[in-house]
Amino acid sequence: MKKSQQSLKAWTKQKWRTKSGKKSSETGERYLPEKAIKALTPAEYAATTRAKRKGTAAGKQFVAQPKRIAKKVAPHRKMENGGVAKASSGVRRLRMSKKV
C-alpha cells in the first residue's frame, strides 16, 4: 500500500469530524479526531472554534489552535508511524508532519 494510502487509512480510522457532525465550511468548527473532541471541555472546544472562525474570517485556510488546547489534542492525532495527522478546514486531505 502506498504511503499516502496508509496515511488516509489511519486518518479515516481516527474518525475526524466536527462536534456538530456538520461540515466545517458551514459551521466554522474545527475538524478533530472524535477522541480529541471528547477530551476537550465545552469551553475548550468553544475556544478552538472561536480561533478557527476568527482566522477563517481573516481569509486564512489553516488556523493554529490555542497552545494549551493543541497540547491536549496532539496525543489524539498521533499516527502509527510517529507523524501527526492534520485536517484542513473542511477539506478531507491529510498532511503528515514527522516529529523531529
N, C-alpha and C. Protein backbone atom coordinates (compact mmCIF):
# COMPACT_ATOMS: atom_id res chain seq x y z
N MET A 1 0.84 -1.18 0.00
CA MET A 1 0.00 0.00 0.00
C MET A 1 0.89 1.25 0.00
N LYS A 2 0.55 2.24 -0.82
CA LYS A 2 1.34 3.47 -0.90
C LYS A 2 1.25 4.24 0.41
N LYS A 3 2.28 5.04 0.67
CA LYS A 3 2.34 5.83 1.90
C LYS A 3 1.12 6.74 2.05
N SER A 4 0.71 7.38 0.96
CA SER A 4 -0.45 8.27 1.01
C SER A 4 -1.72 7.50 1.35
N GLN A 5 -1.83 6.27 0.86
CA GLN A 5 -3.00 5.44 1.16
C GLN A 5 -2.99 5.01 2.62
N GLN A 6 -1.80 4.70 3.14
CA GLN A 6 -1.67 4.32 4.55
C GLN A 6 -2.08 5.48 5.45
N SER A 7 -1.64 6.68 5.09
CA SER A 7 -1.97 7.86 5.87
C SER A 7 -3.47 8.11 5.88
N LEU A 8 -4.09 8.01 4.71
CA LEU A 8 -5.53 8.22 4.61
C LEU A 8 -6.29 7.16 5.40
N LYS A 9 -5.81 5.92 5.36
CA LYS A 9 -6.44 4.83 6.10
C LYS A 9 -6.38 5.12 7.60
N ALA A 10 -5.21 5.55 8.08
CA ALA A 10 -5.05 5.86 9.51
C ALA A 10 -5.90 7.06 9.89
N TRP A 11 -5.96 8.06 9.02
CA TRP A 11 -6.76 9.27 9.28
C TRP A 11 -8.23 8.91 9.39
N THR A 12 -8.71 8.06 8.49
CA THR A 12 -10.11 7.63 8.49
C THR A 12 -10.42 6.84 9.76
N LYS A 13 -9.48 6.02 10.19
CA LYS A 13 -9.65 5.20 11.39
C LYS A 13 -9.87 6.08 12.64
N GLN A 14 -9.29 7.28 12.62
CA GLN A 14 -9.42 8.19 13.76
C GLN A 14 -10.78 8.89 13.81
N LYS A 15 -11.59 8.74 12.79
CA LYS A 15 -12.94 9.33 12.73
C LYS A 15 -12.92 10.84 12.94
N TRP A 16 -12.27 11.55 12.05
CA TRP A 16 -12.22 13.01 12.11
C TRP A 16 -13.59 13.58 11.77
N ARG A 17 -14.00 14.59 12.53
CA ARG A 17 -15.31 15.21 12.32
C ARG A 17 -15.38 16.53 13.08
N THR A 18 -16.49 17.21 12.97
CA THR A 18 -16.76 18.38 13.81
C THR A 18 -17.65 17.89 14.95
N LYS A 19 -17.75 18.65 15.99
CA LYS A 19 -18.57 18.25 17.14
C LYS A 19 -20.04 18.13 16.74
N SER A 20 -20.49 19.05 15.89
CA SER A 20 -21.90 19.04 15.46
C SER A 20 -22.18 17.97 14.42
N GLY A 21 -21.13 17.47 13.75
CA GLY A 21 -21.32 16.50 12.69
C GLY A 21 -21.57 17.14 11.34
N LYS A 22 -21.64 18.47 11.30
CA LYS A 22 -21.84 19.20 10.06
C LYS A 22 -20.50 19.59 9.46
N LYS A 23 -20.51 20.07 8.22
CA LYS A 23 -19.29 20.49 7.55
C LYS A 23 -18.71 21.72 8.23
N SER A 24 -17.41 21.76 8.34
CA SER A 24 -16.72 22.90 8.92
C SER A 24 -16.99 24.17 8.13
N SER A 25 -17.12 24.04 6.82
CA SER A 25 -17.38 25.20 5.98
C SER A 25 -18.75 25.82 6.27
N GLU A 26 -19.66 25.04 6.82
CA GLU A 26 -20.99 25.54 7.16
C GLU A 26 -21.03 26.14 8.57
N THR A 27 -20.28 25.55 9.49
CA THR A 27 -20.38 25.94 10.90
C THR A 27 -19.19 26.75 11.41
N GLY A 28 -18.06 26.63 10.73
CA GLY A 28 -16.84 27.30 11.20
C GLY A 28 -16.12 26.51 12.28
N GLU A 29 -16.62 25.31 12.57
CA GLU A 29 -15.98 24.46 13.59
C GLU A 29 -14.70 23.85 13.04
N ARG A 30 -13.89 23.34 13.95
CA ARG A 30 -12.63 22.70 13.58
C ARG A 30 -12.83 21.19 13.47
N TYR A 31 -12.20 20.58 12.44
CA TYR A 31 -12.18 19.13 12.33
C TYR A 31 -11.16 18.59 13.31
N LEU A 32 -11.56 17.60 14.09
CA LEU A 32 -10.67 16.94 15.05
C LEU A 32 -11.04 15.47 15.11
N PRO A 33 -10.11 14.62 15.58
CA PRO A 33 -10.48 13.22 15.80
C PRO A 33 -11.58 13.15 16.88
N GLU A 34 -12.44 12.18 16.75
CA GLU A 34 -13.54 12.02 17.69
C GLU A 34 -13.06 11.97 19.14
N LYS A 35 -11.96 11.26 19.39
CA LYS A 35 -11.43 11.16 20.76
C LYS A 35 -10.95 12.51 21.27
N ALA A 36 -10.42 13.33 20.40
CA ALA A 36 -9.96 14.66 20.80
C ALA A 36 -11.15 15.54 21.18
N ILE A 37 -12.21 15.45 20.41
CA ILE A 37 -13.42 16.22 20.72
C ILE A 37 -13.94 15.83 22.09
N LYS A 38 -13.95 14.54 22.38
CA LYS A 38 -14.43 14.07 23.69
C LYS A 38 -13.52 14.49 24.83
N ALA A 39 -12.22 14.67 24.54
CA ALA A 39 -11.25 15.05 25.57
C ALA A 39 -11.35 16.53 25.95
N LEU A 40 -11.90 17.34 25.06
CA LEU A 40 -12.00 18.78 25.32
C LEU A 40 -13.25 19.11 26.12
N THR A 41 -13.12 20.09 26.99
CA THR A 41 -14.30 20.60 27.71
C THR A 41 -15.10 21.45 26.73
N PRO A 42 -16.36 21.72 27.02
CA PRO A 42 -17.14 22.61 26.15
C PRO A 42 -16.46 23.98 25.97
N ALA A 43 -15.85 24.49 27.02
CA ALA A 43 -15.18 25.79 26.93
C ALA A 43 -13.95 25.71 26.02
N GLU A 44 -13.20 24.62 26.09
CA GLU A 44 -12.02 24.46 25.23
C GLU A 44 -12.43 24.32 23.77
N TYR A 45 -13.47 23.55 23.52
CA TYR A 45 -13.94 23.39 22.15
C TYR A 45 -14.44 24.73 21.60
N ALA A 46 -15.13 25.48 22.45
CA ALA A 46 -15.60 26.81 22.04
C ALA A 46 -14.42 27.73 21.72
N ALA A 47 -13.35 27.65 22.50
CA ALA A 47 -12.17 28.49 22.28
C ALA A 47 -11.49 28.15 20.96
N THR A 48 -11.35 26.87 20.65
CA THR A 48 -10.71 26.49 19.39
C THR A 48 -11.60 26.82 18.20
N THR A 49 -12.91 26.74 18.39
CA THR A 49 -13.84 27.12 17.33
C THR A 49 -13.80 28.62 17.10
N ARG A 50 -13.72 29.41 18.17
CA ARG A 50 -13.60 30.87 18.03
C ARG A 50 -12.35 31.23 17.24
N ALA A 51 -11.23 30.57 17.58
CA ALA A 51 -9.97 30.84 16.88
C ALA A 51 -10.11 30.48 15.40
N LYS A 52 -10.73 29.36 15.11
CA LYS A 52 -10.91 28.91 13.73
C LYS A 52 -11.78 29.90 12.96
N ARG A 53 -12.88 30.34 13.55
CA ARG A 53 -13.78 31.29 12.89
C ARG A 53 -13.10 32.63 12.65
N LYS A 54 -12.33 33.09 13.63
CA LYS A 54 -11.61 34.36 13.51
C LYS A 54 -10.60 34.30 12.36
N GLY A 55 -9.84 33.22 12.30
CA GLY A 55 -8.87 33.05 11.23
C GLY A 55 -9.51 32.91 9.87
N THR A 56 -10.60 32.16 9.80
CA THR A 56 -11.32 31.98 8.55
C THR A 56 -11.86 33.32 8.05
N ALA A 57 -12.39 34.12 8.97
CA ALA A 57 -12.91 35.43 8.60
C ALA A 57 -11.81 36.35 8.07
N ALA A 58 -10.58 36.11 8.53
CA ALA A 58 -9.42 36.89 8.07
C ALA A 58 -8.84 36.33 6.77
N GLY A 59 -9.48 35.29 6.23
CA GLY A 59 -9.05 34.72 4.96
C GLY A 59 -8.02 33.61 5.05
N LYS A 60 -7.79 33.10 6.26
CA LYS A 60 -6.81 32.03 6.43
C LYS A 60 -7.48 30.66 6.29
N GLN A 61 -6.79 29.75 5.59
CA GLN A 61 -7.31 28.39 5.47
C GLN A 61 -6.85 27.55 6.65
N PHE A 62 -5.61 27.73 7.07
CA PHE A 62 -5.06 26.97 8.19
C PHE A 62 -4.92 27.90 9.38
N VAL A 63 -5.55 27.55 10.48
CA VAL A 63 -5.54 28.38 11.68
C VAL A 63 -5.05 27.53 12.86
N ALA A 64 -4.01 28.01 13.54
CA ALA A 64 -3.47 27.28 14.68
C ALA A 64 -4.47 27.28 15.83
N GLN A 65 -4.43 26.20 16.60
CA GLN A 65 -5.27 26.13 17.79
C GLN A 65 -4.58 26.89 18.92
N PRO A 66 -5.34 27.32 19.94
CA PRO A 66 -4.69 27.87 21.13
C PRO A 66 -3.71 26.82 21.67
N LYS A 67 -2.55 27.27 22.13
CA LYS A 67 -1.46 26.35 22.50
C LYS A 67 -1.86 25.29 23.52
N ARG A 68 -2.57 25.67 24.57
CA ARG A 68 -2.92 24.67 25.60
C ARG A 68 -3.88 23.62 25.05
N ILE A 69 -4.73 24.03 24.13
CA ILE A 69 -5.67 23.08 23.52
C ILE A 69 -4.92 22.18 22.53
N ALA A 70 -3.98 22.75 21.79
CA ALA A 70 -3.18 21.96 20.84
C ALA A 70 -2.43 20.85 21.57
N LYS A 71 -1.88 21.16 22.74
CA LYS A 71 -1.17 20.14 23.52
C LYS A 71 -2.10 19.03 23.97
N LYS A 72 -3.31 19.40 24.34
CA LYS A 72 -4.28 18.41 24.82
C LYS A 72 -4.78 17.52 23.67
N VAL A 73 -4.89 18.07 22.49
CA VAL A 73 -5.41 17.35 21.33
C VAL A 73 -4.34 16.49 20.65
N ALA A 74 -3.07 16.90 20.72
CA ALA A 74 -1.99 16.24 20.00
C ALA A 74 -1.93 14.71 20.17
N PRO A 75 -2.05 14.19 21.39
CA PRO A 75 -1.98 12.72 21.53
C PRO A 75 -3.08 11.98 20.76
N HIS A 76 -4.18 12.64 20.49
CA HIS A 76 -5.29 12.00 19.78
C HIS A 76 -5.11 12.06 18.27
N ARG A 77 -4.12 12.82 17.79
CA ARG A 77 -3.84 12.94 16.37
C ARG A 77 -2.64 12.12 15.95
N LYS A 78 -1.98 11.45 16.87
CA LYS A 78 -0.76 10.70 16.55
C LYS A 78 -1.07 9.53 15.63
N MET A 79 -0.14 9.32 14.69
CA MET A 79 -0.27 8.24 13.72
C MET A 79 0.65 7.10 14.14
N GLU A 80 0.41 5.94 13.59
CA GLU A 80 1.22 4.76 13.91
C GLU A 80 2.69 4.94 13.55
N ASN A 81 2.98 5.75 12.52
CA ASN A 81 4.37 5.94 12.09
C ASN A 81 5.06 7.08 12.83
N GLY A 82 4.43 7.66 13.83
CA GLY A 82 5.06 8.72 14.61
C GLY A 82 4.74 10.11 14.13
N GLY A 83 4.09 10.24 12.97
CA GLY A 83 3.69 11.56 12.46
C GLY A 83 2.44 12.04 13.17
N VAL A 84 2.00 13.22 12.80
CA VAL A 84 0.80 13.79 13.38
C VAL A 84 -0.15 14.13 12.24
N ALA A 85 -1.39 13.66 12.33
CA ALA A 85 -2.39 13.94 11.30
C ALA A 85 -2.97 15.32 11.49
N LYS A 86 -3.20 16.00 10.38
CA LYS A 86 -3.79 17.34 10.43
C LYS A 86 -4.89 17.42 9.39
N ALA A 87 -6.00 18.02 9.73
CA ALA A 87 -7.08 18.24 8.76
C ALA A 87 -7.17 19.71 8.48
N SER A 88 -7.51 20.06 7.27
CA SER A 88 -7.70 21.46 6.93
C SER A 88 -9.18 21.77 6.91
N SER A 89 -9.53 23.01 6.94
CA SER A 89 -10.91 23.45 7.09
C SER A 89 -11.85 22.86 6.05
N GLY A 90 -12.50 21.78 6.40
CA GLY A 90 -13.50 21.17 5.56
C GLY A 90 -12.96 20.36 4.39
N VAL A 91 -11.69 20.38 4.17
CA VAL A 91 -11.11 19.64 3.06
C VAL A 91 -10.60 18.31 3.59
N ARG A 92 -11.09 17.24 3.02
CA ARG A 92 -10.69 15.92 3.50
C ARG A 92 -9.39 15.51 2.85
N ARG A 93 -8.30 16.03 3.41
CA ARG A 93 -6.99 15.61 2.94
C ARG A 93 -6.08 15.54 4.15
N LEU A 94 -5.00 14.89 3.98
CA LEU A 94 -4.11 14.65 5.11
C LEU A 94 -2.73 15.17 4.81
N ARG A 95 -2.19 15.87 5.77
CA ARG A 95 -0.81 16.28 5.68
C ARG A 95 -0.09 15.60 6.83
N MET A 96 1.10 15.16 6.58
CA MET A 96 1.87 14.48 7.62
C MET A 96 3.03 15.37 8.05
N SER A 97 3.23 15.46 9.34
CA SER A 97 4.41 16.14 9.82
C SER A 97 5.12 15.18 10.76
N LYS A 98 6.37 14.89 10.45
CA LYS A 98 7.17 13.97 11.26
C LYS A 98 7.71 14.69 12.48
N LYS A 99 7.73 14.00 13.61
CA LYS A 99 8.36 14.54 14.80
C LYS A 99 9.87 14.58 14.57
N VAL A 100 10.50 15.63 15.04
CA VAL A 100 11.95 15.77 14.87
C VAL A 100 12.67 15.25 16.08
